[in-house]
Amino acid sequence: AIEAAAAGFDVTCLSLVPARRSHSSAAQGGMQAALGN
């Protein structure tokens, strides 16, 4: 949605719950990315 909105398009998201209660919020451990830091 962010990518489309940033390009000037009208975007609507539908959700069973408020966006910040989406199940993504329950993820704990982290995100893999090869930064090598």
PDB file of all heavy atoms in Angstrom:
ATOM      1  N   ALA A   1       0.828  -1.212   0.000  1.00  0.00           N
ATOM      2  CA  ALA A   1       0.000   0.000   0.000  1.00  0.00           C
ATOM      3  C   ALA A   1       0.859   1.257   0.000  1.00  0.00           C
ATOM      4  O   ALA A   1       0.561   2.238  -0.697  1.00  0.00           O
ATOM      5  CB  ALA A   1      -0.922  -0.010   1.221  1.00  0.00           C
ATOM      6  N   ILE A   2       1.938   1.254   0.772  1.00  0.00           N
ATOM      7  CA  ILE A   2       2.835   2.403   0.857  1.00  0.00           C
ATOM      8  C   ILE A   2       3.464   2.698  -0.503  1.00  0.00           C
ATOM      9  O   ILE A   2       3.562   3.857  -0.927  1.00  0.00           O
ATOM     10  CB  ILE A   2       3.917   2.149   1.929  1.00  0.00           C
ATOM     11  CG1 ILE A   2       3.304   2.295   3.322  1.00  0.00           C
ATOM     12  CG2 ILE A   2       5.114   3.073   1.758  1.00  0.00           C
ATOM     13  CD1 ILE A   2       4.193   1.794   4.441  1.00  0.00           C
ATOM     14  N   GLU A   3       3.880   1.658  -1.193  1.00  0.00           N
ATOM     15  CA  GLU A   3       4.515   1.843  -2.502  1.00  0.00           C
ATOM     16  C   GLU A   3       3.531   2.490  -3.481  1.00  0.00           C
ATOM     17  O   GLU A   3       3.891   3.403  -4.237  1.00  0.00           O
ATOM     18  CB  GLU A   3       4.995   0.494  -3.040  1.00  0.00           C
ATOM     19  CG  GLU A   3       6.118   0.572  -4.048  1.00  0.00           C
ATOM     20  CD  GLU A   3       7.463   0.960  -3.460  1.00  0.00           C
ATOM     21  OE1 GLU A   3       7.641   0.812  -2.226  1.00  0.00           O
ATOM     22  OE2 GLU A   3       8.331   1.418  -4.234  1.00  0.00           O
ATOM     23  N   ALA A   4       2.276   2.017  -3.472  1.00  0.00           N
ATOM     24  CA  ALA A   4       1.273   2.563  -4.386  1.00  0.00           C
ATOM     25  C   ALA A   4       0.873   3.974  -3.989  1.00  0.00           C
ATOM     26  O   ALA A   4       0.725   4.853  -4.846  1.00  0.00           O
ATOM     27  CB  ALA A   4       0.048   1.651  -4.418  1.00  0.00           C
ATOM     28  N   ALA A   5       0.699   4.213  -2.689  1.00  0.00           N
ATOM     29  CA  ALA A   5       0.306   5.547  -2.227  1.00  0.00           C
ATOM     30  C   ALA A   5       1.394   6.565  -2.514  1.00  0.00           C
ATOM     31  O   ALA A   5       1.111   7.719  -2.882  1.00  0.00           O
ATOM     32  CB  ALA A   5      -0.022   5.508  -0.737  1.00  0.00           C
ATOM     33  N   ALA A   6       2.652   6.158  -2.358  1.00  0.00           N
ATOM     34  CA  ALA A   6       3.768   7.069  -2.631  1.00  0.00           C
ATOM     35  C   ALA A   6       3.827   7.453  -4.105  1.00  0.00           C
ATOM     36  O   ALA A   6       4.354   8.519  -4.455  1.00  0.00           O
ATOM     37  CB  ALA A   6       5.091   6.421  -2.211  1.00  0.00           C
ATOM     38  N   ALA A   7       3.254   6.606  -4.984  1.00  0.00           N
ATOM     39  CA  ALA A   7       3.223   6.903  -6.412  1.00  0.00           C
ATOM     40  C   ALA A   7       1.979   7.697  -6.803  1.00  0.00           C
ATOM     41  O   ALA A   7       1.754   7.952  -7.990  1.00  0.00           O
ATOM     42  CB  ALA A   7       3.281   5.603  -7.207  1.00  0.00           C
ATOM     43  N   GLY A   8       1.175   8.050  -5.807  1.00  0.00           N
ATOM     44  CA  GLY A   8       0.024   8.907  -6.068  1.00  0.00           C
ATOM     45  C   GLY A   8      -1.294   8.198  -6.286  1.00  0.00           C
ATOM     46  O   GLY A   8      -2.287   8.846  -6.648  1.00  0.00           O
ATOM     47  N   PHE A   9      -1.359   6.904  -6.040  1.00  0.00           N
ATOM     48  CA  PHE A   9      -2.598   6.166  -6.255  1.00  0.00           C
ATOM     49  C   PHE A   9      -3.433   6.110  -4.979  1.00  0.00           C
ATOM     50  O   PHE A   9      -2.905   6.154  -3.860  1.00  0.00           O
ATOM     51  CB  PHE A   9      -2.296   4.741  -6.739  1.00  0.00           C
ATOM     52  CG  PHE A   9      -1.701   4.707  -8.119  1.00  0.00           C
ATOM     53  CD1 PHE A   9      -0.343   4.487  -8.301  1.00  0.00           C
ATOM     54  CD2 PHE A   9      -2.490   4.920  -9.240  1.00  0.00           C
ATOM     55  CE1 PHE A   9       0.221   4.468  -9.563  1.00  0.00           C
ATOM     56  CE2 PHE A   9      -1.937   4.909 -10.515  1.00  0.00           C
ATOM     57  CZ  PHE A   9      -0.581   4.678 -10.681  1.00  0.00           C
ATOM     58  N   ASP A  10      -4.736   5.994  -5.158  1.00  0.00           N
ATOM     59  CA  ASP A  10      -5.665   5.867  -4.037  1.00  0.00           C
ATOM     60  C   ASP A  10      -5.630   4.420  -3.541  1.00  0.00           C
ATOM     61  O   ASP A  10      -5.774   3.488  -4.338  1.00  0.00           O
ATOM     62  CB  ASP A  10      -7.069   6.247  -4.503  1.00  0.00           C
ATOM     63  CG  ASP A  10      -8.062   6.253  -3.357  1.00  0.00           C
ATOM     64  OD1 ASP A  10      -7.787   6.917  -2.351  1.00  0.00           O
ATOM     65  OD2 ASP A  10      -9.108   5.579  -3.465  1.00  0.00           O
ATOM     66  N   VAL A  11      -5.448   4.242  -2.228  1.00  0.00           N
ATOM     67  CA  VAL A  11      -5.281   2.905  -1.666  1.00  0.00           C
ATOM     68  C   VAL A  11      -6.215   2.723  -0.471  1.00  0.00           C
ATOM     69  O   VAL A  11      -6.307   3.599   0.390  1.00  0.00           O
ATOM     70  CB  VAL A  11      -3.828   2.657  -1.201  1.00  0.00           C
ATOM     71  CG1 VAL A  11      -3.682   1.232  -0.666  1.00  0.00           C
ATOM     72  CG2 VAL A  11      -2.848   2.906  -2.337  1.00  0.00           C
ATOM     73  N   THR A  12      -6.889   1.587  -0.436  1.00  0.00           N
ATOM     74  CA  THR A  12      -7.731   1.212   0.702  1.00  0.00           C
ATOM     75  C   THR A  12      -7.312  -0.164   1.193  1.00  0.00           C
ATOM     76  O   THR A  12      -7.186  -1.103   0.393  1.00  0.00           O
ATOM     77  CB  THR A  12      -9.217   1.181   0.308  1.00  0.00           C
ATOM     78  OG1 THR A  12      -9.613   2.474  -0.158  1.00  0.00           O
ATOM     79  CG2 THR A  12     -10.079   0.789   1.498  1.00  0.00           C
ATOM     80  N   CYS A  13      -7.087  -0.281   2.499  1.00  0.00           N
ATOM     81  CA  CYS A  13      -6.778  -1.570   3.126  1.00  0.00           C
ATOM     82  C   CYS A  13      -7.977  -2.035   3.937  1.00  0.00           C
ATOM     83  O   CYS A  13      -8.594  -1.239   4.654  1.00  0.00           O
ATOM     84  CB  CYS A  13      -5.572  -1.462   4.054  1.00  0.00           C
ATOM     85  SG  CYS A  13      -3.990  -1.175   3.249  1.00  0.00           S
ATOM     86  N   LEU A  14      -8.319  -3.312   3.831  1.00  0.00           N
ATOM     87  CA  LEU A  14      -9.368  -3.921   4.641  1.00  0.00           C
ATOM     88  C   LEU A  14      -8.720  -4.833   5.677  1.00  0.00           C
ATOM     89  O   LEU A  14      -7.773  -5.556   5.363  1.00  0.00           O
ATOM     90  CB  LEU A  14     -10.325  -4.741   3.772  1.00  0.00           C
ATOM     91  CG  LEU A  14     -10.954  -4.035   2.565  1.00  0.00           C
ATOM     92  CD1 LEU A  14     -11.915  -4.977   1.862  1.00  0.00           C
ATOM     93  CD2 LEU A  14     -11.641  -2.748   2.970  1.00  0.00           C
ATOM     94  N   SER A  15      -9.238  -4.799   6.895  1.00  0.00           N
ATOM     95  CA  SER A  15      -8.624  -5.594   7.952  1.00  0.00           C
ATOM     96  C   SER A  15      -9.685  -6.094   8.924  1.00  0.00           C
ATOM     97  O   SER A  15     -10.648  -5.382   9.227  1.00  0.00           O
ATOM     98  CB  SER A  15      -7.585  -4.751   8.714  1.00  0.00           C
ATOM     99  OG  SER A  15      -6.983  -5.502   9.749  1.00  0.00           O
ATOM    100  N   LEU A  16      -9.506  -7.323   9.400  1.00  0.00           N
ATOM    101  CA  LEU A  16     -10.405  -7.870  10.414  1.00  0.00           C
ATOM    102  C   LEU A  16     -10.273  -7.134  11.734  1.00  0.00           C
ATOM    103  O   LEU A  16     -11.225  -7.089  12.525  1.00  0.00           O
ATOM    104  CB  LEU A  16     -10.109  -9.356  10.633  1.00  0.00           C
ATOM    105  CG  LEU A  16     -10.418 -10.301   9.472  1.00  0.00           C
ATOM    106  CD1 LEU A  16      -9.845 -11.681   9.748  1.00  0.00           C
ATOM    107  CD2 LEU A  16     -11.915 -10.397   9.238  1.00  0.00           C
ATOM    108  N   VAL A  17      -9.093  -6.577  11.975  1.00  0.00           N
ATOM    109  CA  VAL A  17      -8.791  -5.903  13.241  1.00  0.00           C
ATOM    110  C   VAL A  17      -8.125  -4.565  12.920  1.00  0.00           C
ATOM    111  O   VAL A  17      -7.718  -4.333  11.779  1.00  0.00           O
ATOM    112  CB  VAL A  17      -7.844  -6.769  14.113  1.00  0.00           C
ATOM    113  CG1 VAL A  17      -8.543  -8.018  14.600  1.00  0.00           C
ATOM    114  CG2 VAL A  17      -6.578  -7.136  13.337  1.00  0.00           C
ATOM    115  N   PRO A  18      -7.996  -3.667  13.905  1.00  0.00           N
ATOM    116  CA  PRO A  18      -7.202  -2.462  13.651  1.00  0.00           C
ATOM    117  C   PRO A  18      -5.823  -2.841  13.134  1.00  0.00           C
ATOM    118  O   PRO A  18      -5.232  -3.841  13.561  1.00  0.00           O
ATOM    119  CB  PRO A  18      -7.138  -1.803  15.036  1.00  0.00           C
ATOM    120  CG  PRO A  18      -8.385  -2.246  15.725  1.00  0.00           C
ATOM    121  CD  PRO A  18      -8.612  -3.657  15.254  1.00  0.00           C
ATOM    122  N   ALA A  19      -5.291  -2.046  12.212  1.00  0.00           N
ATOM    123  CA  ALA A  19      -4.065  -2.414  11.503  1.00  0.00           C
ATOM    124  C   ALA A  19      -2.945  -2.813  12.453  1.00  0.00           C
ATOM    125  O   ALA A  19      -2.211  -3.777  12.193  1.00  0.00           O
ATOM    126  CB  ALA A  19      -3.615  -1.259  10.610  1.00  0.00           C
ATOM    127  N   ARG A  20      -2.804  -2.126  13.559  1.00  0.00           N
ATOM    128  CA  ARG A  20      -1.684  -2.408  14.472  1.00  0.00           C
ATOM    129  C   ARG A  20      -1.911  -3.658  15.316  1.00  0.00           C
ATOM    130  O   ARG A  20      -1.020  -4.052  16.069  1.00  0.00           O
ATOM    131  CB  ARG A  20      -1.430  -1.195  15.367  1.00  0.00           C
ATOM    132  CG  ARG A  20      -0.965   0.017  14.575  1.00  0.00           C
ATOM    133  CD  ARG A  20      -0.529   1.167  15.444  1.00  0.00           C
ATOM    134  NE  ARG A  20      -0.118   2.310  14.618  1.00  0.00           N
ATOM    135  CZ  ARG A  20       0.583   3.344  15.058  1.00  0.00           C
ATOM    136  NH1 ARG A  20       0.954   3.396  16.335  1.00  0.00           N
ATOM    137  NH2 ARG A  20       0.917   4.332  14.249  1.00  0.00           N
ATOM    138  N   ARG A  21      -3.103  -4.268  15.175  1.00  0.00           N
ATOM    139  CA  ARG A  21      -3.352  -5.546  15.838  1.00  0.00           C
ATOM    140  C   ARG A  21      -3.243  -6.708  14.855  1.00  0.00           C
ATOM    141  O   ARG A  21      -3.569  -7.847  15.206  1.00  0.00           O
ATOM    142  CB  ARG A  21      -4.741  -5.548  16.488  1.00  0.00           C
ATOM    143  CG  ARG A  21      -4.887  -4.548  17.622  1.00  0.00           C
ATOM    144  CD  ARG A  21      -3.881  -4.780  18.727  1.00  0.00           C
ATOM    145  NE  ARG A  21      -3.948  -6.117  19.282  1.00  0.00           N
ATOM    146  CZ  ARG A  21      -2.929  -6.739  19.866  1.00  0.00           C
ATOM    147  NH1 ARG A  21      -1.744  -6.146  19.963  1.00  0.00           N
ATOM    148  NH2 ARG A  21      -3.084  -7.944  20.351  1.00  0.00           N
ATOM    149  N   SER A  22      -2.802  -6.429  13.634  1.00  0.00           N
ATOM    150  CA  SER A  22      -2.583  -7.511  12.663  1.00  0.00           C
ATOM    151  C   SER A  22      -1.584  -8.511  13.227  1.00  0.00           C
ATOM    152  O   SER A  22      -0.752  -8.179  14.084  1.00  0.00           O
ATOM    153  CB  SER A  22      -2.061  -6.936  11.345  1.00  0.00           C
ATOM    154  OG  SER A  22      -2.998  -6.036  10.783  1.00  0.00           O
ATOM    155  N   HIS A  23      -1.639  -9.749  12.726  1.00  0.00           N
ATOM    156  CA  HIS A  23      -0.824 -10.810  13.324  1.00  0.00           C
ATOM    157  C   HIS A  23       0.671 -10.569  13.145  1.00  0.00           C
ATOM    158  O   HIS A  23       1.485 -11.160  13.852  1.00  0.00           O
ATOM    159  CB  HIS A  23      -1.218 -12.160  12.748  1.00  0.00           C
ATOM    160  CG  HIS A  23      -0.732 -13.335  13.554  1.00  0.00           C
ATOM    161  ND1 HIS A  23      -0.832 -13.378  14.934  1.00  0.00           N
ATOM    162  CD2 HIS A  23      -0.136 -14.492  13.192  1.00  0.00           C
ATOM    163  CE1 HIS A  23      -0.321 -14.514  15.379  1.00  0.00           C
ATOM    164  NE2 HIS A  23       0.114 -15.210  14.340  1.00  0.00           N
ATOM    165  N   SER A  24       1.042  -9.694  12.216  1.00  0.00           N
ATOM    166  CA  SER A  24       2.460  -9.328  12.066  1.00  0.00           C
ATOM    167  C   SER A  24       3.032  -8.815  13.380  1.00  0.00           C
ATOM    168  O   SER A  24       4.230  -8.982  13.659  1.00  0.00           O
ATOM    169  CB  SER A  24       2.618  -8.241  10.999  1.00  0.00           C
ATOM    170  OG  SER A  24       2.193  -8.686   9.734  1.00  0.00           O
ATOM    171  N   SER A  25       2.196  -8.194  14.200  1.00  0.00           N
ATOM    172  CA  SER A  25       2.690  -7.609  15.459  1.00  0.00           C
ATOM    173  C   SER A  25       3.132  -8.670  16.454  1.00  0.00           C
ATOM    174  O   SER A  25       3.868  -8.368  17.400  1.00  0.00           O
ATOM    175  CB  SER A  25       1.609  -6.733  16.103  1.00  0.00           C
ATOM    176  OG  SER A  25       0.507  -7.526  16.533  1.00  0.00           O
ATOM    177  N   ALA A  26       2.708  -9.925  16.252  1.00  0.00           N
ATOM    178  CA  ALA A  26       3.069 -10.994  17.185  1.00  0.00           C
ATOM    179  C   ALA A  26       4.429 -11.602  16.891  1.00  0.00           C
ATOM    180  O   ALA A  26       4.953 -12.362  17.708  1.00  0.00           O
ATOM    181  CB  ALA A  26       2.002 -12.091  17.157  1.00  0.00           C
ATOM    182  N   ALA A  27       5.022 -11.290  15.722  1.00  0.00           N
ATOM    183  CA  ALA A  27       6.329 -11.857  15.370  1.00  0.00           C
ATOM    184  C   ALA A  27       7.386 -11.358  16.343  1.00  0.00           C
ATOM    185  O   ALA A  27       7.465 -10.169  16.634  1.00  0.00           O
ATOM    186  CB  ALA A  27       6.696 -11.477  13.942  1.00  0.00           C
ATOM    187  N   GLN A  28       8.223 -12.261  16.809  1.00  0.00           N
ATOM    188  CA  GLN A  28       9.147 -11.921  17.887  1.00  0.00           C
ATOM    189  C   GLN A  28      10.603 -11.811  17.443  1.00  0.00           C
ATOM    190  O   GLN A  28      11.249 -10.787  17.631  1.00  0.00           O
ATOM    191  CB  GLN A  28       9.024 -12.982  19.005  1.00  0.00           C
ATOM    192  CG  GLN A  28       7.665 -13.054  19.645  1.00  0.00           C
ATOM    193  CD  GLN A  28       7.515 -14.235  20.595  1.00  0.00           C
ATOM    194  OE1 GLN A  28       8.435 -15.040  20.769  1.00  0.00           O
ATOM    195  NE2 GLN A  28       6.352 -14.356  21.202  1.00  0.00           N
ATOM    196  N   GLY A  29      11.126 -12.879  16.849  1.00  0.00           N
ATOM    197  CA  GLY A  29      12.571 -13.052  16.775  1.00  0.00           C
ATOM    198  C   GLY A  29      13.343 -12.104  15.898  1.00  0.00           C
ATOM    199  O   GLY A  29      14.393 -11.598  16.287  1.00  0.00           O
ATOM    200  N   GLY A  30      12.854 -11.826  14.652  1.00  0.00           N
ATOM    201  CA  GLY A  30      13.606 -10.918  13.804  1.00  0.00           C
ATOM    202  C   GLY A  30      13.439 -11.190  12.326  1.00  0.00           C
ATOM    203  O   GLY A  30      12.636 -12.020  11.907  1.00  0.00           O
ATOM    204  N   MET A  31      14.241 -10.457  11.532  1.00  0.00           N
ATOM    205  CA  MET A  31      14.189 -10.515  10.068  1.00  0.00           C
ATOM    206  C   MET A  31      15.579 -10.811   9.522  1.00  0.00           C
ATOM    207  O   MET A  31      16.545 -10.135   9.878  1.00  0.00           O
ATOM    208  CB  MET A  31      13.725  -9.172   9.495  1.00  0.00           C
ATOM    209  CG  MET A  31      12.307  -8.787   9.841  1.00  0.00           C
ATOM    210  SD  MET A  31      11.938  -7.182   9.088  1.00  0.00           S
ATOM    211  CE  MET A  31      10.145  -7.144   9.255  1.00  0.00           C
ATOM    212  N   GLN A  32      15.666 -11.779   8.631  1.00  0.00           N
ATOM    213  CA  GLN A  32      16.968 -12.128   8.065  1.00  0.00           C
ATOM    214  C   GLN A  32      17.356 -11.178   6.942  1.00  0.00           C
ATOM    215  O   GLN A  32      16.569 -10.897   6.038  1.00  0.00           O
ATOM    216  CB  GLN A  32      16.948 -13.562   7.534  1.00  0.00           C
ATOM    217  CG  GLN A  32      17.026 -14.615   8.616  1.00  0.00           C
ATOM    218  CD  GLN A  32      17.625 -15.906   8.117  1.00  0.00           C
ATOM    219  OE1 GLN A  32      18.572 -15.910   7.332  1.00  0.00           O
ATOM    220  NE2 GLN A  32      17.086 -17.018   8.572  1.00  0.00           N
ATOM    221  N   ALA A  33      18.586 -10.682   7.008  1.00  0.00           N
ATOM    222  CA  ALA A  33      19.184  -9.871   5.946  1.00  0.00           C
ATOM    223  C   ALA A  33      20.692  -9.932   6.112  1.00  0.00           C
ATOM    224  O   ALA A  33      21.209  -9.774   7.224  1.00  0.00           O
ATOM    225  CB  ALA A  33      18.697  -8.423   6.018  1.00  0.00           C
ATOM    226  N   ALA A  34      21.408 -10.146   5.023  1.00  0.00           N
ATOM    227  CA  ALA A  34      22.857 -10.358   5.077  1.00  0.00           C
ATOM    228  C   ALA A  34      23.582  -9.017   5.185  1.00  0.00           C
ATOM    229  O   ALA A  34      24.097  -8.487   4.196  1.00  0.00           O
ATOM    230  CB  ALA A  34      23.333 -11.129   3.848  1.00  0.00           C
ATOM    231  N   LEU A  35      23.649  -8.473   6.389  1.00  0.00           N
ATOM    232  CA  LEU A  35      24.354  -7.211   6.630  1.00  0.00           C
ATOM    233  C   LEU A  35      25.800  -7.435   7.059  1.00  0.00           C
ATOM    234  O   LEU A  35      26.670  -6.607   6.787  1.00  0.00           O
ATOM    235  CB  LEU A  35      23.614  -6.403   7.701  1.00  0.00           C
ATOM    236  CG  LEU A  35      22.175  -5.998   7.355  1.00  0.00           C
ATOM    237  CD1 LEU A  35      21.525  -5.282   8.544  1.00  0.00           C
ATOM    238  CD2 LEU A  35      22.136  -5.114   6.130  1.00  0.00           C
ATOM    239  N   GLY A  36      26.052  -8.561   7.744  1.00  0.00           N
ATOM    240  CA  GLY A  36      27.426  -8.889   8.137  1.00  0.00           C
ATOM    241  C   GLY A  36      28.028  -7.926   9.136  1.00  0.00           C
ATOM    242  O   GLY A  36      29.252  -7.729   9.140  1.00  0.00           O
ATOM    243  N   ASN A  37      27.206  -7.321   9.995  1.00  0.00           N
ATOM    244  CA  ASN A  37      27.727  -6.306  10.910  1.00  0.00           C
ATOM    245  C   ASN A  37      28.281  -6.871  12.213  1.00  0.00           C
ATOM    246  O   ASN A  37      29.289  -6.391  12.723  1.00  0.00           O
ATOM    247  CB  ASN A  37      26.623  -5.290  11.246  1.00  0.00           C
ATOM    248  CG  ASN A  37      26.247  -4.438  10.057  1.00  0.00           C
ATOM    249  OD1 ASN A  37      27.032  -4.271   9.131  1.00  0.00           O
ATOM    250  ND2 ASN A  37      25.028  -3.910  10.060  1.00  0.00           N
TER     251      ASN A  37
END
